[in-house]
Amino acid sequence: MIKNGLIEAAIDFEANQERFEAAFKLAENHAKYKMPEVHLKYALHLEDENRYKEAEEEFIKANKP
Protein backbone atom coordinates (compact mmCIF):
# COMPACT_ATOMS: atom_id res chain seq x y z
CA MET A 1 0.00 0.00 0.00
CA ILE A 2 2.90 2.32 0.73
CA LYS A 3 4.26 1.86 -2.79
CA ASN A 4 0.93 2.89 -4.28
CA GLY A 5 0.57 6.04 -2.18
CA LEU A 6 -2.10 4.56 0.05
CA ILE A 7 -0.36 5.11 3.37
CA GLU A 8 -3.29 7.11 4.78
CA ALA A 9 -5.67 4.28 3.93
CA ALA A 10 -3.31 1.75 5.52
CA ILE A 11 -3.10 3.78 8.73
CA ASP A 12 -6.87 4.22 8.88
CA PHE A 13 -7.41 0.52 8.20
CA GLU A 14 -5.05 -0.56 10.99
CA ALA A 15 -6.62 1.87 13.47
CA ASN A 16 -10.15 0.84 12.53
CA GLN A 17 -9.19 -2.80 13.06
CA GLU A 18 -7.88 -1.80 16.51
CA ARG A 19 -4.32 -2.69 15.54
CA PHE A 20 -3.00 0.48 17.07
CA GLU A 21 0.63 -0.58 17.34
CA ALA A 22 0.77 -1.04 13.55
CA ALA A 23 -1.13 2.21 12.97
CA PHE A 24 1.25 4.16 15.20
CA LYS A 25 4.28 2.61 13.50
CA LEU A 26 3.02 3.43 10.00
CA ALA A 27 2.12 6.97 10.99
CA GLU A 28 5.44 7.55 12.73
CA ASN A 29 7.46 6.28 9.77
CA HIS A 30 5.43 7.60 6.84
CA ALA A 31 2.84 10.22 7.84
CA LYS A 32 3.54 11.98 11.13
CA TYR A 33 0.61 14.34 10.51
CA LYS A 34 -1.72 11.34 11.09
CA MET A 35 -0.44 10.74 14.63
CA PRO A 36 -3.10 12.87 16.39
CA GLU A 37 -5.84 11.01 14.54
CA VAL A 38 -4.44 7.63 15.60
CA HIS A 39 -4.10 8.86 19.19
CA LEU A 40 -7.74 9.97 19.10
CA LYS A 41 -8.97 6.59 17.83
CA TYR A 42 -6.88 4.85 20.47
CA ALA A 43 -8.26 7.15 23.17
CA LEU A 44 -11.81 6.34 22.15
CA HIS A 45 -10.98 2.64 22.22
CA LEU A 46 -9.50 2.92 25.71
CA GLU A 47 -12.52 4.89 26.88
CA ASP A 48 -14.82 2.12 25.63
CA GLU A 49 -12.80 -0.31 27.74
CA ASN A 50 -13.20 1.94 30.82
CA ARG A 51 -9.46 2.63 30.90
CA TYR A 52 -10.02 6.30 31.58
CA LYS A 53 -6.57 7.32 32.82
CA GLU A 54 -4.89 5.91 29.72
CA ALA A 55 -7.62 7.37 27.52
CA GLU A 56 -7.08 10.80 29.05
CA GLU A 57 -3.39 10.65 28.15
CA GLU A 58 -4.20 9.68 24.57
CA PHE A 59 -6.76 12.48 24.25
CA ILE A 60 -4.06 14.94 25.29
CA LYS A 61 -1.64 13.48 22.72
CA ALA A 62 -4.39 13.90 20.12
CA ASN A 63 -4.75 17.58 21.11
CA LYS A 64 -8.32 16.85 22.21
CA PRO A 65 -8.26 17.32 26.00
PDB file of N, CA and C in Angstrom:
ATOM      1  N   MET A   1       0.823  -1.194   0.000  1.00  0.00           N
ATOM      2  CA  MET A   1       0.000   0.000   0.000  1.00  0.00           C
ATOM      3  C   MET A   1       0.869   1.260   0.000  1.00  0.00           C
ATOM      4  N   ILE A   2       2.012   1.170   0.666  1.00  0.00           N
ATOM      5  CA  ILE A   2       2.900   2.324   0.730  1.00  0.00           C
ATOM      6  C   ILE A   2       3.398   2.677  -0.668  1.00  0.00           C
ATOM      7  N   LYS A   3       3.767   1.659  -1.433  1.00  0.00           N
ATOM      8  CA  LYS A   3       4.259   1.864  -2.792  1.00  0.00           C
ATOM      9  C   LYS A   3       3.242   2.607  -3.657  1.00  0.00           C
ATOM     10  N   ASN A   4       1.987   2.324  -3.444  1.00  0.00           N
ATOM     11  CA  ASN A   4       0.927   2.888  -4.278  1.00  0.00           C
ATOM     12  C   ASN A   4       0.363   4.191  -3.729  1.00  0.00           C
ATOM     13  N   GLY A   5       1.017   4.764  -2.725  1.00  0.00           N
ATOM     14  CA  GLY A   5       0.572   6.037  -2.177  1.00  0.00           C
ATOM     15  C   GLY A   5      -0.679   5.929  -1.328  1.00  0.00           C
ATOM     16  N   LEU A   6      -0.894   4.775  -0.747  1.00  0.00           N
ATOM     17  CA  LEU A   6      -2.097   4.556   0.050  1.00  0.00           C
ATOM     18  C   LEU A   6      -1.780   4.466   1.543  1.00  0.00           C
ATOM     19  N   ILE A   7      -0.775   5.188   1.978  1.00  0.00           N
ATOM     20  CA  ILE A   7      -0.364   5.105   3.374  1.00  0.00           C
ATOM     21  C   ILE A   7      -1.471   5.574   4.314  1.00  0.00           C
ATOM     22  N   GLU A   8      -2.194   6.629   3.929  1.00  0.00           N
ATOM     23  CA  GLU A   8      -3.288   7.106   4.783  1.00  0.00           C
ATOM     24  C   GLU A   8      -4.350   6.023   4.951  1.00  0.00           C
ATOM     25  N   ALA A   9      -4.674   5.352   3.869  1.00  0.00           N
ATOM     26  CA  ALA A   9      -5.665   4.277   3.928  1.00  0.00           C
ATOM     27  C   ALA A   9      -5.163   3.130   4.800  1.00  0.00           C
ATOM     28  N   ALA A  10      -3.882   2.826   4.705  1.00  0.00           N
ATOM     29  CA  ALA A  10      -3.308   1.754   5.519  1.00  0.00           C
ATOM     30  C   ALA A  10      -3.370   2.100   7.004  1.00  0.00           C
ATOM     31  N   ILE A  11      -3.046   3.340   7.337  1.00  0.00           N
ATOM     32  CA  ILE A  11      -3.095   3.780   8.733  1.00  0.00           C
ATOM     33  C   ILE A  11      -4.531   3.726   9.247  1.00  0.00           C
ATOM     34  N   ASP A  12      -5.455   4.242   8.470  1.00  0.00           N
ATOM     35  CA  ASP A  12      -6.867   4.215   8.876  1.00  0.00           C
ATOM     36  C   ASP A  12      -7.368   2.783   9.042  1.00  0.00           C
ATOM     37  N   PHE A  13      -6.989   1.918   8.127  1.00  0.00           N
ATOM     38  CA  PHE A  13      -7.408   0.524   8.201  1.00  0.00           C
ATOM     39  C   PHE A  13      -6.913  -0.121   9.483  1.00  0.00           C
ATOM     40  N   GLU A  14      -5.614   0.040   9.773  1.00  0.00           N
ATOM     41  CA  GLU A  14      -5.050  -0.557  10.985  1.00  0.00           C
ATOM     42  C   GLU A  14      -5.741  -0.017  12.237  1.00  0.00           C
ATOM     43  N   ALA A  15      -5.967   1.280  12.302  1.00  0.00           N
ATOM     44  CA  ALA A  15      -6.619   1.875  13.474  1.00  0.00           C
ATOM     45  C   ALA A  15      -8.059   1.387  13.602  1.00  0.00           C
ATOM     46  N   ASN A  16      -8.765   1.299  12.486  1.00  0.00           N
ATOM     47  CA  ASN A  16     -10.152   0.842  12.530  1.00  0.00           C
ATOM     48  C   ASN A  16     -10.261  -0.628  12.914  1.00  0.00           C
ATOM     49  N   GLN A  17      -9.212  -1.394  12.653  1.00  0.00           N
ATOM     50  CA  GLN A  17      -9.186  -2.803  13.056  1.00  0.00           C
ATOM     51  C   GLN A  17      -8.641  -2.971  14.477  1.00  0.00           C
ATOM     52  N   GLU A  18      -8.411  -1.849  15.152  1.00  0.00           N
ATOM     53  CA  GLU A  18      -7.883  -1.801  16.511  1.00  0.00           C
ATOM     54  C   GLU A  18      -6.491  -2.421  16.615  1.00  0.00           C
ATOM     55  N   ARG A  19      -5.728  -2.292  15.541  1.00  0.00           N
ATOM     56  CA  ARG A  19      -4.316  -2.694  15.543  1.00  0.00           C
ATOM     57  C   ARG A  19      -3.502  -1.406  15.653  1.00  0.00           C
ATOM     58  N   PHE A  20      -3.562  -0.846  16.851  1.00  0.00           N
ATOM     59  CA  PHE A  20      -3.004   0.483  17.074  1.00  0.00           C
ATOM     60  C   PHE A  20      -1.485   0.511  16.999  1.00  0.00           C
ATOM     61  N   GLU A  21      -0.837  -0.547  17.418  1.00  0.00           N
ATOM     62  CA  GLU A  21       0.626  -0.579  17.337  1.00  0.00           C
ATOM     63  C   GLU A  21       1.077  -0.422  15.879  1.00  0.00           C
ATOM     64  N   ALA A  22       0.434  -1.131  14.982  1.00  0.00           N
ATOM     65  CA  ALA A  22       0.770  -1.039  13.554  1.00  0.00           C
ATOM     66  C   ALA A  22       0.417   0.346  13.011  1.00  0.00           C
ATOM     67  N   ALA A  23      -0.719   0.882  13.432  1.00  0.00           N
ATOM     68  CA  ALA A  23      -1.134   2.210  12.969  1.00  0.00           C
ATOM     69  C   ALA A  23      -0.144   3.279  13.426  1.00  0.00           C
ATOM     70  N   PHE A  24       0.275   3.197  14.692  1.00  0.00           N
ATOM     71  CA  PHE A  24       1.254   4.162  15.201  1.00  0.00           C
ATOM     72  C   PHE A  24       2.582   4.040  14.453  1.00  0.00           C
ATOM     73  N   LYS A  25       3.005   2.826  14.192  1.00  0.00           N
ATOM     74  CA  LYS A  25       4.278   2.609  13.498  1.00  0.00           C
ATOM     75  C   LYS A  25       4.232   3.178  12.079  1.00  0.00           C
ATOM     76  N   LEU A  26       3.159   2.899  11.359  1.00  0.00           N
ATOM     77  CA  LEU A  26       3.018   3.432  10.004  1.00  0.00           C
ATOM     78  C   LEU A  26       2.991   4.956  10.012  1.00  0.00           C
ATOM     79  N   ALA A  27       2.225   5.517  10.922  1.00  0.00           N
ATOM     80  CA  ALA A  27       2.122   6.973  10.989  1.00  0.00           C
ATOM     81  C   ALA A  27       3.465   7.602  11.355  1.00  0.00           C
ATOM     82  N   GLU A  28       4.147   7.010  12.295  1.00  0.00           N
ATOM     83  CA  GLU A  28       5.438   7.549  12.727  1.00  0.00           C
ATOM     84  C   GLU A  28       6.460   7.514  11.595  1.00  0.00           C
ATOM     85  N   ASN A  29       6.455   6.454  10.822  1.00  0.00           N
ATOM     86  CA  ASN A  29       7.460   6.283   9.771  1.00  0.00           C
ATOM     87  C   ASN A  29       7.114   6.950   8.447  1.00  0.00           C
ATOM     88  N   HIS A  30       5.812   7.155   8.179  1.00  0.00           N
ATOM     89  CA  HIS A  30       5.430   7.604   6.844  1.00  0.00           C
ATOM     90  C   HIS A  30       4.512   8.821   6.795  1.00  0.00           C
ATOM     91  N   ALA A  31       3.805   9.115   7.873  1.00  0.00           N
ATOM     92  CA  ALA A  31       2.838  10.221   7.836  1.00  0.00           C
ATOM     93  C   ALA A  31       2.621  10.761   9.244  1.00  0.00           C
ATOM     94  N   LYS A  32       3.611  11.477   9.750  1.00  0.00           N
ATOM     95  CA  LYS A  32       3.545  11.979  11.127  1.00  0.00           C
ATOM     96  C   LYS A  32       2.301  12.838  11.381  1.00  0.00           C
ATOM     97  N   TYR A  33       1.800  13.497  10.350  1.00  0.00           N
ATOM     98  CA  TYR A  33       0.611  14.337  10.515  1.00  0.00           C
ATOM     99  C   TYR A  33      -0.631  13.521  10.886  1.00  0.00           C
ATOM    100  N   LYS A  34      -0.588  12.201  10.725  1.00  0.00           N
ATOM    101  CA  LYS A  34      -1.716  11.344  11.087  1.00  0.00           C
ATOM    102  C   LYS A  34      -1.672  10.895  12.545  1.00  0.00           C
ATOM    103  N   MET A  35      -0.582  11.193  13.250  1.00  0.00           N
ATOM    104  CA  MET A  35      -0.441  10.736  14.631  1.00  0.00           C
ATOM    105  C   MET A  35      -1.586  11.186  15.535  1.00  0.00           C
ATOM    106  N   PRO A  36      -1.988  12.466  15.508  1.00  0.00           N
ATOM    107  CA  PRO A  36      -3.095  12.867  16.388  1.00  0.00           C
ATOM    108  C   PRO A  36      -4.380  12.077  16.120  1.00  0.00           C
ATOM    109  N   GLU A  37      -4.638  11.771  14.876  1.00  0.00           N
ATOM    110  CA  GLU A  37      -5.843  11.006  14.535  1.00  0.00           C
ATOM    111  C   GLU A  37      -5.777   9.589  15.113  1.00  0.00           C
ATOM    112  N   VAL A  38      -4.610   8.975  15.043  1.00  0.00           N
ATOM    113  CA  VAL A  38      -4.444   7.629  15.603  1.00  0.00           C
ATOM    114  C   VAL A  38      -4.560   7.681  17.125  1.00  0.00           C
ATOM    115  N   HIS A  39      -3.971   8.707  17.738  1.00  0.00           N
ATOM    116  CA  HIS A  39      -4.100   8.862  19.193  1.00  0.00           C
ATOM    117  C   HIS A  39      -5.568   9.023  19.584  1.00  0.00           C
ATOM    118  N   LEU A  40      -6.322   9.768  18.800  1.00  0.00           N
ATOM    119  CA  LEU A  40      -7.738   9.965  19.101  1.00  0.00           C
ATOM    120  C   LEU A  40      -8.509   8.646  19.015  1.00  0.00           C
ATOM    121  N   LYS A  41      -8.273   7.882  17.974  1.00  0.00           N
ATOM    122  CA  LYS A  41      -8.965   6.594  17.828  1.00  0.00           C
ATOM    123  C   LYS A  41      -8.588   5.652  18.966  1.00  0.00           C
ATOM    124  N   TYR A  42      -7.321   5.687  19.357  1.00  0.00           N
ATOM    125  CA  TYR A  42      -6.880   4.853  20.465  1.00  0.00           C
ATOM    126  C   TYR A  42      -7.518   5.317  21.771  1.00  0.00           C
ATOM    127  N   ALA A  43      -7.618   6.611  21.970  1.00  0.00           N
ATOM    128  CA  ALA A  43      -8.257   7.153  23.173  1.00  0.00           C
ATOM    129  C   ALA A  43      -9.706   6.706  23.264  1.00  0.00           C
ATOM    130  N   LEU A  44     -10.412   6.770  22.160  1.00  0.00           N
ATOM    131  CA  LEU A  44     -11.809   6.343  22.149  1.00  0.00           C
ATOM    132  C   LEU A  44     -11.936   4.852  22.455  1.00  0.00           C
ATOM    133  N   HIS A  45     -11.007   4.083  21.931  1.00  0.00           N
ATOM    134  CA  HIS A  45     -10.980   2.641  22.216  1.00  0.00           C
ATOM    135  C   HIS A  45     -10.756   2.389  23.713  1.00  0.00           C
ATOM    136  N   LEU A  46      -9.776   3.083  24.286  1.00  0.00           N
ATOM    137  CA  LEU A  46      -9.497   2.922  25.710  1.00  0.00           C
ATOM    138  C   LEU A  46     -10.688   3.352  26.557  1.00  0.00           C
ATOM    139  N   GLU A  47     -11.341   4.409  26.150  1.00  0.00           N
ATOM    140  CA  GLU A  47     -12.516   4.886  26.878  1.00  0.00           C
ATOM    141  C   GLU A  47     -13.627   3.835  26.865  1.00  0.00           C
ATOM    142  N   ASP A  48     -13.813   3.193  25.721  1.00  0.00           N
ATOM    143  CA  ASP A  48     -14.821   2.122  25.628  1.00  0.00           C
ATOM    144  C   ASP A  48     -14.505   0.961  26.558  1.00  0.00           C
ATOM    145  N   GLU A  49     -13.224   0.765  26.839  1.00  0.00           N
ATOM    146  CA  GLU A  49     -12.804  -0.308  27.742  1.00  0.00           C
ATOM    147  C   GLU A  49     -12.706   0.153  29.196  1.00  0.00           C
ATOM    148  N   ASN A  50     -13.210   1.362  29.471  1.00  0.00           N
ATOM    149  CA  ASN A  50     -13.201   1.940  30.819  1.00  0.00           C
ATOM    150  C   ASN A  50     -11.790   2.128  31.374  1.00  0.00           C
ATOM    151  N   ARG A  51     -10.846   2.354  30.502  1.00  0.00           N
ATOM    152  CA  ARG A  51      -9.463   2.627  30.904  1.00  0.00           C
ATOM    153  C   ARG A  51      -9.254   4.135  30.774  1.00  0.00           C
ATOM    154  N   TYR A  52      -9.893   4.853  31.692  1.00  0.00           N
ATOM    155  CA  TYR A  52     -10.025   6.303  31.576  1.00  0.00           C
ATOM    156  C   TYR A  52      -8.703   7.067  31.736  1.00  0.00           C
ATOM    157  N   LYS A  53      -7.842   6.623  32.625  1.00  0.00           N
ATOM    158  CA  LYS A  53      -6.572   7.322  32.823  1.00  0.00           C
ATOM    159  C   LYS A  53      -5.733   7.256  31.546  1.00  0.00           C
ATOM    160  N   GLU A  54      -5.641   6.073  30.969  1.00  0.00           N
ATOM    161  CA  GLU A  54      -4.889   5.913  29.724  1.00  0.00           C
ATOM    162  C   GLU A  54      -5.561   6.680  28.585  1.00  0.00           C
ATOM    163  N   ALA A  55      -6.881   6.650  28.558  1.00  0.00           N
ATOM    164  CA  ALA A  55      -7.625   7.368  27.520  1.00  0.00           C
ATOM    165  C   ALA A  55      -7.365   8.864  27.619  1.00  0.00           C
ATOM    166  N   GLU A  56      -7.337   9.371  28.842  1.00  0.00           N
ATOM    167  CA  GLU A  56      -7.075  10.798  29.050  1.00  0.00           C
ATOM    168  C   GLU A  56      -5.725  11.199  28.458  1.00  0.00           C
ATOM    169  N   GLU A  57      -4.718  10.370  28.690  1.00  0.00           N
ATOM    170  CA  GLU A  57      -3.385  10.650  28.151  1.00  0.00           C
ATOM    171  C   GLU A  57      -3.391  10.663  26.627  1.00  0.00           C
ATOM    172  N   GLU A  58      -4.127   9.749  26.036  1.00  0.00           N
ATOM    173  CA  GLU A  58      -4.199   9.684  24.575  1.00  0.00           C
ATOM    174  C   GLU A  58      -4.976  10.873  24.005  1.00  0.00           C
ATOM    175  N   PHE A  59      -6.029  11.290  24.693  1.00  0.00           N
ATOM    176  CA  PHE A  59      -6.764  12.483  24.247  1.00  0.00           C
ATOM    177  C   PHE A  59      -5.845  13.711  24.226  1.00  0.00           C
ATOM    178  N   ILE A  60      -5.003  13.813  25.229  1.00  0.00           N
ATOM    179  CA  ILE A  60      -4.063  14.940  25.287  1.00  0.00           C
ATOM    180  C   ILE A  60      -3.079  14.856  24.131  1.00  0.00           C
ATOM    181  N   LYS A  61      -2.565  13.654  23.841  1.00  0.00           N
ATOM    182  CA  LYS A  61      -1.640  13.484  22.719  1.00  0.00           C
ATOM    183  C   LYS A  61      -2.320  13.792  21.382  1.00  0.00           C
ATOM    184  N   ALA A  62      -3.630  13.622  21.340  1.00  0.00           N
ATOM    185  CA  ALA A  62      -4.385  13.904  20.117  1.00  0.00           C
ATOM    186  C   ALA A  62      -4.792  15.376  20.033  1.00  0.00           C
ATOM    187  N   ASN A  63      -4.365  16.162  21.028  1.00  0.00           N
ATOM    188  CA  ASN A  63      -4.753  17.584  21.111  1.00  0.00           C
ATOM    189  C   ASN A  63      -6.263  17.745  21.238  1.00  0.00           C
ATOM    190  N   LYS A  64      -6.886  16.815  21.960  1.00  0.00           N
ATOM    191  CA  LYS A  64      -8.321  16.848  22.212  1.00  0.00           C
ATOM    192  C   LYS A  64      -8.589  16.636  23.701  1.00  0.00           C
ATOM    193  N   PRO A  65      -8.080  17.531  24.558  1.00  0.00           N
ATOM    194  CA  PRO A  65      -8.263  17.321  25.998  1.00  0.00           C
ATOM    195  C   PRO A  65      -9.729  17.448  26.427  1.00  0.00           C
TER     196      PRO A  65
END
